[in-house]
PDB file of all heavy atoms in Angstrom:
ATOM      1  N   LEU A   1     -18.030 -21.130 -45.375  1.00  0.00           N
ATOM      2  CA  LEU A   1     -18.485 -21.236 -43.986  1.00  0.00           C
ATOM      3  C   LEU A   1     -18.038 -20.027 -43.169  1.00  0.00           C
ATOM      4  O   LEU A   1     -18.809 -19.500 -42.349  1.00  0.00           O
ATOM      5  CB  LEU A   1     -17.940 -22.523 -43.364  1.00  0.00           C
ATOM      6  CG  LEU A   1     -18.596 -23.827 -43.847  1.00  0.00           C
ATOM      7  CD1 LEU A   1     -17.806 -25.037 -43.370  1.00  0.00           C
ATOM      8  CD2 LEU A   1     -20.043 -23.915 -43.372  1.00  0.00           C
ATOM      9  N   LYS A   2     -16.801 -19.569 -43.370  1.00  0.00           N
ATOM     10  CA  LYS A   2     -16.300 -18.401 -42.645  1.00  0.00           C
ATOM     11  C   LYS A   2     -17.065 -17.142 -43.033  1.00  0.00           C
ATOM     12  O   LYS A   2     -17.369 -16.299 -42.182  1.00  0.00           O
ATOM     13  CB  LYS A   2     -14.807 -18.212 -42.911  1.00  0.00           C
ATOM     14  CG  LYS A   2     -13.906 -19.203 -42.200  1.00  0.00           C
ATOM     15  CD  LYS A   2     -12.481 -19.133 -42.703  1.00  0.00           C
ATOM     16  CE  LYS A   2     -11.848 -17.782 -42.485  1.00  0.00           C
ATOM     17  NZ  LYS A   2     -10.423 -17.775 -42.944  1.00  0.00           N
ATOM     18  N   THR A   3     -17.391 -17.011 -44.315  1.00  0.00           N
ATOM     19  CA  THR A   3     -18.129 -15.834 -44.770  1.00  0.00           C
ATOM     20  C   THR A   3     -19.541 -15.839 -44.195  1.00  0.00           C
ATOM     21  O   THR A   3     -20.046 -14.793 -43.749  1.00  0.00           O
ATOM     22  CB  THR A   3     -18.175 -15.795 -46.305  1.00  0.00           C
ATOM     23  OG1 THR A   3     -16.849 -15.819 -46.820  1.00  0.00           O
ATOM     24  CG2 THR A   3     -18.884 -14.539 -46.787  1.00  0.00           C
ATOM     25  N   LYS A   4     -20.184 -16.991 -44.212  1.00  0.00           N
ATOM     26  CA  LYS A   4     -21.511 -17.111 -43.610  1.00  0.00           C
ATOM     27  C   LYS A   4     -21.460 -16.753 -42.128  1.00  0.00           C
ATOM     28  O   LYS A   4     -22.324 -16.004 -41.622  1.00  0.00           O
ATOM     29  CB  LYS A   4     -22.034 -18.535 -43.803  1.00  0.00           C
ATOM     30  CG  LYS A   4     -23.314 -18.860 -43.045  1.00  0.00           C
ATOM     31  CD  LYS A   4     -23.752 -20.282 -43.347  1.00  0.00           C
ATOM     32  CE  LYS A   4     -24.870 -20.748 -42.420  1.00  0.00           C
ATOM     33  NZ  LYS A   4     -24.384 -20.968 -41.036  1.00  0.00           N
ATOM     34  N   ALA A   5     -20.450 -17.247 -41.410  1.00  0.00           N
ATOM     35  CA  ALA A   5     -20.315 -16.939 -39.983  1.00  0.00           C
ATOM     36  C   ALA A   5     -20.058 -15.453 -39.767  1.00  0.00           C
ATOM     37  O   ALA A   5     -20.571 -14.864 -38.805  1.00  0.00           O
ATOM     38  CB  ALA A   5     -19.184 -17.766 -39.384  1.00  0.00           C
ATOM     39  N   ARG A   6     -19.284 -14.832 -40.664  1.00  0.00           N
ATOM     40  CA  ARG A   6     -19.023 -13.391 -40.547  1.00  0.00           C
ATOM     41  C   ARG A   6     -20.309 -12.593 -40.708  1.00  0.00           C
ATOM     42  O   ARG A   6     -20.571 -11.655 -39.951  1.00  0.00           O
ATOM     43  CB  ARG A   6     -17.996 -12.952 -41.590  1.00  0.00           C
ATOM     44  CG  ARG A   6     -17.693 -11.450 -41.568  1.00  0.00           C
ATOM     45  CD  ARG A   6     -16.735 -11.058 -42.670  1.00  0.00           C
ATOM     46  NE  ARG A   6     -17.261 -11.304 -43.987  1.00  0.00           N
ATOM     47  CZ  ARG A   6     -18.080 -10.469 -44.622  1.00  0.00           C
ATOM     48  NH1 ARG A   6     -18.500  -9.351 -44.049  1.00  0.00           N
ATOM     49  NH2 ARG A   6     -18.509 -10.760 -45.849  1.00  0.00           N
ATOM     50  N   PHE A   7     -21.108 -12.960 -41.696  1.00  0.00           N
ATOM     51  CA  PHE A   7     -22.407 -12.309 -41.878  1.00  0.00           C
ATOM     52  C   PHE A   7     -23.240 -12.409 -40.596  1.00  0.00           C
ATOM     53  O   PHE A   7     -23.765 -11.411 -40.091  1.00  0.00           O
ATOM     54  CB  PHE A   7     -23.175 -12.963 -43.021  1.00  0.00           C
ATOM     55  CG  PHE A   7     -22.947 -12.351 -44.375  1.00  0.00           C
ATOM     56  CD1 PHE A   7     -22.369 -13.090 -45.398  1.00  0.00           C
ATOM     57  CD2 PHE A   7     -23.329 -11.053 -44.641  1.00  0.00           C
ATOM     58  CE1 PHE A   7     -22.166 -12.541 -46.650  1.00  0.00           C
ATOM     59  CE2 PHE A   7     -23.135 -10.484 -45.887  1.00  0.00           C
ATOM     60  CZ  PHE A   7     -22.542 -11.236 -46.902  1.00  0.00           C
ATOM     61  N   GLU A   8     -23.367 -13.615 -40.083  1.00  0.00           N
ATOM     62  CA  GLU A   8     -24.263 -13.853 -38.952  1.00  0.00           C
ATOM     63  C   GLU A   8     -23.748 -13.213 -37.667  1.00  0.00           C
ATOM     64  O   GLU A   8     -24.533 -12.691 -36.875  1.00  0.00           O
ATOM     65  CB  GLU A   8     -24.449 -15.360 -38.771  1.00  0.00           C
ATOM     66  CG  GLU A   8     -25.210 -15.987 -39.932  1.00  0.00           C
ATOM     67  CD  GLU A   8     -25.294 -17.503 -39.868  1.00  0.00           C
ATOM     68  OE1 GLU A   8     -24.480 -18.118 -39.151  1.00  0.00           O
ATOM     69  OE2 GLU A   8     -26.177 -18.063 -40.546  1.00  0.00           O
ATOM     70  N   SER A   9     -22.431 -13.212 -37.466  1.00  0.00           N
ATOM     71  CA  SER A   9     -21.892 -12.627 -36.239  1.00  0.00           C
ATOM     72  C   SER A   9     -21.932 -11.105 -36.261  1.00  0.00           C
ATOM     73  O   SER A   9     -21.934 -10.468 -35.209  1.00  0.00           O
ATOM     74  CB  SER A   9     -20.451 -13.101 -36.018  1.00  0.00           C
ATOM     75  OG  SER A   9     -19.600 -12.650 -37.064  1.00  0.00           O
ATOM     76  N   SER A  10     -21.971 -10.499 -37.453  1.00  0.00           N
ATOM     77  CA  SER A  10     -21.995  -9.036 -37.552  1.00  0.00           C
ATOM     78  C   SER A  10     -23.402  -8.470 -37.615  1.00  0.00           C
ATOM     79  O   SER A  10     -23.594  -7.251 -37.587  1.00  0.00           O
ATOM     80  CB  SER A  10     -21.217  -8.572 -38.799  1.00  0.00           C
ATOM     81  OG  SER A  10     -21.864  -9.002 -39.988  1.00  0.00           O
ATOM     82  N   LEU A  11     -24.407  -9.346 -37.681  1.00  0.00           N
ATOM     83  CA  LEU A  11     -25.780  -8.894 -37.904  1.00  0.00           C
ATOM     84  C   LEU A  11     -26.257  -7.947 -36.810  1.00  0.00           C
ATOM     85  O   LEU A  11     -26.827  -6.884 -37.100  1.00  0.00           O
ATOM     86  CB  LEU A  11     -26.710 -10.109 -37.985  1.00  0.00           C
ATOM     87  CG  LEU A  11     -28.103  -9.873 -38.560  1.00  0.00           C
ATOM     88  CD1 LEU A  11     -28.012  -9.349 -39.977  1.00  0.00           C
ATOM     89  CD2 LEU A  11     -28.913 -11.170 -38.542  1.00  0.00           C
ATOM     90  N   ILE A  12     -26.009  -8.296 -35.550  1.00  0.00           N
ATOM     91  CA  ILE A  12     -26.464  -7.447 -34.448  1.00  0.00           C
ATOM     92  C   ILE A  12     -25.498  -6.289 -34.185  1.00  0.00           C
ATOM     93  O   ILE A  12     -25.921  -5.137 -34.107  1.00  0.00           O
ATOM     94  CB  ILE A  12     -26.721  -8.287 -33.188  1.00  0.00           C
ATOM     95  CG1 ILE A  12     -27.893  -9.255 -33.447  1.00  0.00           C
ATOM     96  CG2 ILE A  12     -27.019  -7.402 -31.984  1.00  0.00           C
ATOM     97  CD1 ILE A  12     -28.187 -10.201 -32.314  1.00  0.00           C
ATOM     98  N   PRO A  13     -24.168  -6.544 -34.078  1.00  0.00           N
ATOM     99  CA  PRO A  13     -23.264  -5.405 -33.844  1.00  0.00           C
ATOM    100  C   PRO A  13     -23.303  -4.351 -34.946  1.00  0.00           C
ATOM    101  O   PRO A  13     -23.107  -3.166 -34.689  1.00  0.00           O
ATOM    102  CB  PRO A  13     -21.885  -6.070 -33.765  1.00  0.00           C
ATOM    103  CG  PRO A  13     -22.147  -7.484 -33.408  1.00  0.00           C
ATOM    104  CD  PRO A  13     -23.447  -7.827 -34.048  1.00  0.00           C
ATOM    105  N   SER A  14     -23.550  -4.767 -36.179  1.00  0.00           N
ATOM    106  CA  SER A  14     -23.551  -3.831 -37.312  1.00  0.00           C
ATOM    107  C   SER A  14     -24.938  -3.713 -37.943  1.00  0.00           C
ATOM    108  O   SER A  14     -25.067  -3.528 -39.156  1.00  0.00           O
ATOM    109  CB  SER A  14     -22.533  -4.288 -38.367  1.00  0.00           C
ATOM    110  OG  SER A  14     -21.237  -4.367 -37.831  1.00  0.00           O
ATOM    111  N   GLY A  15     -25.965  -3.802 -37.108  1.00  0.00           N
ATOM    112  CA  GLY A  15     -27.331  -3.760 -37.623  1.00  0.00           C
ATOM    113  C   GLY A  15     -27.643  -2.511 -38.418  1.00  0.00           C
ATOM    114  O   GLY A  15     -28.389  -2.555 -39.401  1.00  0.00           O
ATOM    115  N   HIS A  16     -27.061  -1.373 -38.020  1.00  0.00           N
ATOM    116  CA  HIS A  16     -27.332  -0.125 -38.740  1.00  0.00           C
ATOM    117  C   HIS A  16     -26.822  -0.188 -40.178  1.00  0.00           C
ATOM    118  O   HIS A  16     -27.439   0.382 -41.087  1.00  0.00           O
ATOM    119  CB  HIS A  16     -26.697   1.056 -37.994  1.00  0.00           C
ATOM    120  CG  HIS A  16     -25.215   0.967 -37.863  1.00  0.00           C
ATOM    121  ND1 HIS A  16     -24.581  -0.032 -37.169  1.00  0.00           N
ATOM    122  CD2 HIS A  16     -24.226   1.772 -38.340  1.00  0.00           C
ATOM    123  CE1 HIS A  16     -23.271   0.147 -37.218  1.00  0.00           C
ATOM    124  NE2 HIS A  16     -23.040   1.223 -37.930  1.00  0.00           N
ATOM    125  N   ALA A  17     -25.688  -0.889 -40.403  1.00  0.00           N
ATOM    126  CA  ALA A  17     -25.158  -1.013 -41.766  1.00  0.00           C
ATOM    127  C   ALA A  17     -26.082  -1.882 -42.620  1.00  0.00           C
ATOM    128  O   ALA A  17     -26.313  -1.589 -43.801  1.00  0.00           O
ATOM    129  CB  ALA A  17     -23.761  -1.607 -41.725  1.00  0.00           C
ATOM    130  N   TYR A  18     -26.610  -2.963 -42.035  1.00  0.00           N
ATOM    131  CA  TYR A  18     -27.538  -3.818 -42.776  1.00  0.00           C
ATOM    132  C   TYR A  18     -28.830  -3.063 -43.097  1.00  0.00           C
ATOM    133  O   TYR A  18     -29.385  -3.210 -44.194  1.00  0.00           O
ATOM    134  CB  TYR A  18     -27.848  -5.077 -41.968  1.00  0.00           C
ATOM    135  CG  TYR A  18     -26.742  -6.098 -41.999  1.00  0.00           C
ATOM    136  CD1 TYR A  18     -25.789  -6.156 -40.987  1.00  0.00           C
ATOM    137  CD2 TYR A  18     -26.639  -7.008 -43.046  1.00  0.00           C
ATOM    138  CE1 TYR A  18     -24.769  -7.103 -41.014  1.00  0.00           C
ATOM    139  CE2 TYR A  18     -25.626  -7.951 -43.086  1.00  0.00           C
ATOM    140  CZ  TYR A  18     -24.693  -7.990 -42.061  1.00  0.00           C
ATOM    141  OH  TYR A  18     -23.687  -8.918 -42.107  1.00  0.00           O
ATOM    142  N   VAL A  19     -29.307  -2.251 -42.156  1.00  0.00           N
ATOM    143  CA  VAL A  19     -30.516  -1.454 -42.406  1.00  0.00           C
ATOM    144  C   VAL A  19     -30.255  -0.436 -43.510  1.00  0.00           C
ATOM    145  O   VAL A  19     -31.091  -0.247 -44.410  1.00  0.00           O
ATOM    146  CB  VAL A  19     -30.975  -0.764 -41.107  1.00  0.00           C
ATOM    147  CG1 VAL A  19     -32.033   0.297 -41.406  1.00  0.00           C
ATOM    148  CG2 VAL A  19     -31.541  -1.791 -40.137  1.00  0.00           C
ATOM    149  N   ARG A  20     -29.102   0.223 -43.453  1.00  0.00           N
ATOM    150  CA  ARG A  20     -28.754   1.199 -44.507  1.00  0.00           C
ATOM    151  C   ARG A  20     -28.722   0.528 -45.873  1.00  0.00           C
ATOM    152  O   ARG A  20     -29.291   1.043 -46.856  1.00  0.00           O
ATOM    153  CB  ARG A  20     -27.399   1.822 -44.194  1.00  0.00           C
ATOM    154  CG  ARG A  20     -26.910   2.837 -45.249  1.00  0.00           C
ATOM    155  CD  ARG A  20     -25.414   3.023 -45.157  1.00  0.00           C
ATOM    156  NE  ARG A  20     -24.723   1.776 -45.426  1.00  0.00           N
ATOM    157  CZ  ARG A  20     -23.601   1.406 -44.822  1.00  0.00           C
ATOM    158  NH1 ARG A  20     -23.052   2.162 -43.903  1.00  0.00           N
ATOM    159  NH2 ARG A  20     -23.026   0.245 -45.133  1.00  0.00           N
ATOM    160  N   ASN A  21     -28.049  -0.638 -45.965  1.00  0.00           N
ATOM    161  CA  ASN A  21     -27.966  -1.332 -47.248  1.00  0.00           C
ATOM    162  C   ASN A  21     -29.354  -1.720 -47.757  1.00  0.00           C
ATOM    163  O   ASN A  21     -29.666  -1.579 -48.947  1.00  0.00           O
ATOM    164  CB  ASN A  21     -27.106  -2.588 -47.112  1.00  0.00           C
ATOM    165  CG  ASN A  21     -25.627  -2.281 -46.985  1.00  0.00           C
ATOM    166  OD1 ASN A  21     -25.201  -1.155 -47.231  1.00  0.00           O
ATOM    167  ND2 ASN A  21     -24.836  -3.255 -46.594  1.00  0.00           N
ATOM    168  N   ARG A  22     -30.178  -2.218 -46.842  1.00  0.00           N
ATOM    169  CA  ARG A  22     -31.522  -2.645 -47.243  1.00  0.00           C
ATOM    170  C   ARG A  22     -32.367  -1.450 -47.684  1.00  0.00           C
ATOM    171  O   ARG A  22     -33.142  -1.525 -48.646  1.00  0.00           O
ATOM    172  CB  ARG A  22     -32.202  -3.343 -46.053  1.00  0.00           C
ATOM    173  CG  ARG A  22     -33.469  -4.093 -46.405  1.00  0.00           C
ATOM    174  CD  ARG A  22     -33.145  -5.377 -47.136  1.00  0.00           C
ATOM    175  NE  ARG A  22     -34.347  -6.127 -47.480  1.00  0.00           N
ATOM    176  CZ  ARG A  22     -34.323  -7.295 -48.100  1.00  0.00           C
ATOM    177  NH1 ARG A  22     -33.178  -7.847 -48.436  1.00  0.00           N
ATOM    178  NH2 ARG A  22     -35.453  -7.907 -48.396  1.00  0.00           N
ATOM    179  N   LEU A  23     -32.208  -0.340 -46.990  1.00  0.00           N
ATOM    180  CA  LEU A  23     -32.929   0.885 -47.334  1.00  0.00           C
ATOM    181  C   LEU A  23     -32.531   1.364 -48.723  1.00  0.00           C
ATOM    182  O   LEU A  23     -33.377   1.652 -49.578  1.00  0.00           O
ATOM    183  CB  LEU A  23     -32.625   1.949 -46.281  1.00  0.00           C
ATOM    184  CG  LEU A  23     -33.434   3.235 -46.281  1.00  0.00           C
ATOM    185  CD1 LEU A  23     -34.905   2.959 -46.037  1.00  0.00           C
ATOM    186  CD2 LEU A  23     -32.898   4.176 -45.198  1.00  0.00           C
ATOM    187  N   HIS A  24     -31.226   1.429 -48.958  1.00  0.00           N
ATOM    188  CA  HIS A  24     -30.725   1.916 -50.240  1.00  0.00           C
ATOM    189  C   HIS A  24     -31.033   0.941 -51.375  1.00  0.00           C
ATOM    190  O   HIS A  24     -31.135   1.350 -52.540  1.00  0.00           O
ATOM    191  CB  HIS A  24     -29.215   2.160 -50.162  1.00  0.00           C
ATOM    192  CG  HIS A  24     -28.851   3.320 -49.305  1.00  0.00           C
ATOM    193  ND1 HIS A  24     -27.543   3.746 -49.121  1.00  0.00           N
ATOM    194  CD2 HIS A  24     -29.619   4.176 -48.572  1.00  0.00           C
ATOM    195  CE1 HIS A  24     -27.525   4.787 -48.314  1.00  0.00           C
ATOM    196  NE2 HIS A  24     -28.773   5.070 -47.967  1.00  0.00           N
ATOM    197  N   ALA A  25     -31.160  -0.358 -51.038  1.00  0.00           N
ATOM    198  CA  ALA A  25     -31.434  -1.358 -52.074  1.00  0.00           C
ATOM    199  C   ALA A  25     -32.768  -1.123 -52.762  1.00  0.00           C
ATOM    200  O   ALA A  25     -32.969  -1.574 -53.894  1.00  0.00           O
ATOM    201  CB  ALA A  25     -31.404  -2.757 -51.470  1.00  0.00           C
ATOM    202  N   GLY A  26     -33.669  -0.424 -52.102  1.00  0.00           N
ATOM    203  CA  GLY A  26     -34.951  -0.131 -52.715  1.00  0.00           C
ATOM    204  C   GLY A  26     -34.995   1.205 -53.436  1.00  0.00           C
ATOM    205  O   GLY A  26     -36.052   1.603 -53.929  1.00  0.00           O
ATOM    206  N   LEU A  27     -33.820   1.886 -53.503  1.00  0.00           N
ATOM    207  CA  LEU A  27     -33.826   3.250 -54.029  1.00  0.00           C
ATOM    208  C   LEU A  27     -32.894   3.471 -55.211  1.00  0.00           C
ATOM    209  O   LEU A  27     -33.174   4.325 -56.049  1.00  0.00           O
ATOM    210  CB  LEU A  27     -33.459   4.229 -52.905  1.00  0.00           C
ATOM    211  CG  LEU A  27     -34.427   4.265 -51.713  1.00  0.00           C
ATOM    212  CD1 LEU A  27     -33.832   5.058 -50.552  1.00  0.00           C
ATOM    213  CD2 LEU A  27     -35.761   4.856 -52.127  1.00  0.00           C
ATOM    214  N   THR A  28     -31.770   2.751 -55.298  1.00  0.00           N
ATOM    215  CA  THR A  28     -30.814   2.957 -56.391  1.00  0.00           C
ATOM    216  C   THR A  28     -30.233   1.620 -56.843  1.00  0.00           C
ATOM    217  O   THR A  28     -30.232   0.638 -56.103  1.00  0.00           O
ATOM    218  CB  THR A  28     -29.636   3.859 -55.976  1.00  0.00           C
ATOM    219  OG1 THR A  28     -28.820   3.172 -55.010  1.00  0.00           O
ATOM    220  CG2 THR A  28     -30.116   5.182 -55.413  1.00  0.00           C
ATOM    221  N   THR A  29     -29.692   1.618 -58.066  1.00  0.00           N
ATOM    222  CA  THR A  29     -29.034   0.417 -58.585  1.00  0.00           C
ATOM    223  C   THR A  29     -27.807   0.074 -57.765  1.00  0.00           C
ATOM    224  O   THR A  29     -27.581  -1.095 -57.416  1.00  0.00           O
ATOM    225  CB  THR A  29     -28.640   0.616 -60.055  1.00  0.00           C
ATOM    226  OG1 THR A  29     -29.822   0.859 -60.833  1.00  0.00           O
ATOM    227  CG2 THR A  29     -27.923  -0.610 -60.601  1.00  0.00           C
ATOM    228  N   ALA A  30     -26.970   1.080 -57.435  1.00  0.00           N
ATOM    229  CA  ALA A  30     -25.775   0.818 -56.636  1.00  0.00           C
ATOM    230  C   ALA A  30     -26.149   0.244 -55.272  1.00  0.00           C
ATOM    231  O   ALA A  30     -25.489  -0.677 -54.768  1.00  0.00           O
ATOM    232  CB  ALA A  30     -24.963   2.103 -56.465  1.00  0.00           C
ATOM    233  N   GLY A  31     -27.206   0.773 -54.672  1.00  0.00           N
ATOM    234  CA  GLY A  31     -27.661   0.246 -53.388  1.00  0.00           C
ATOM    235  C   GLY A  31     -28.146  -1.178 -53.510  1.00  0.00           C
ATOM    236  O   GLY A  31     -27.891  -2.012 -52.632  1.00  0.00           O
TER     237      GLY A  31
END
């Protein structure tokens, strides 16, 4: 529950990190 809440609470403040991860996920195995 705490991990789920951490994900959801960081979604807007750290949106650029989520976009970067999603971008890289379509380009490399590590991503």
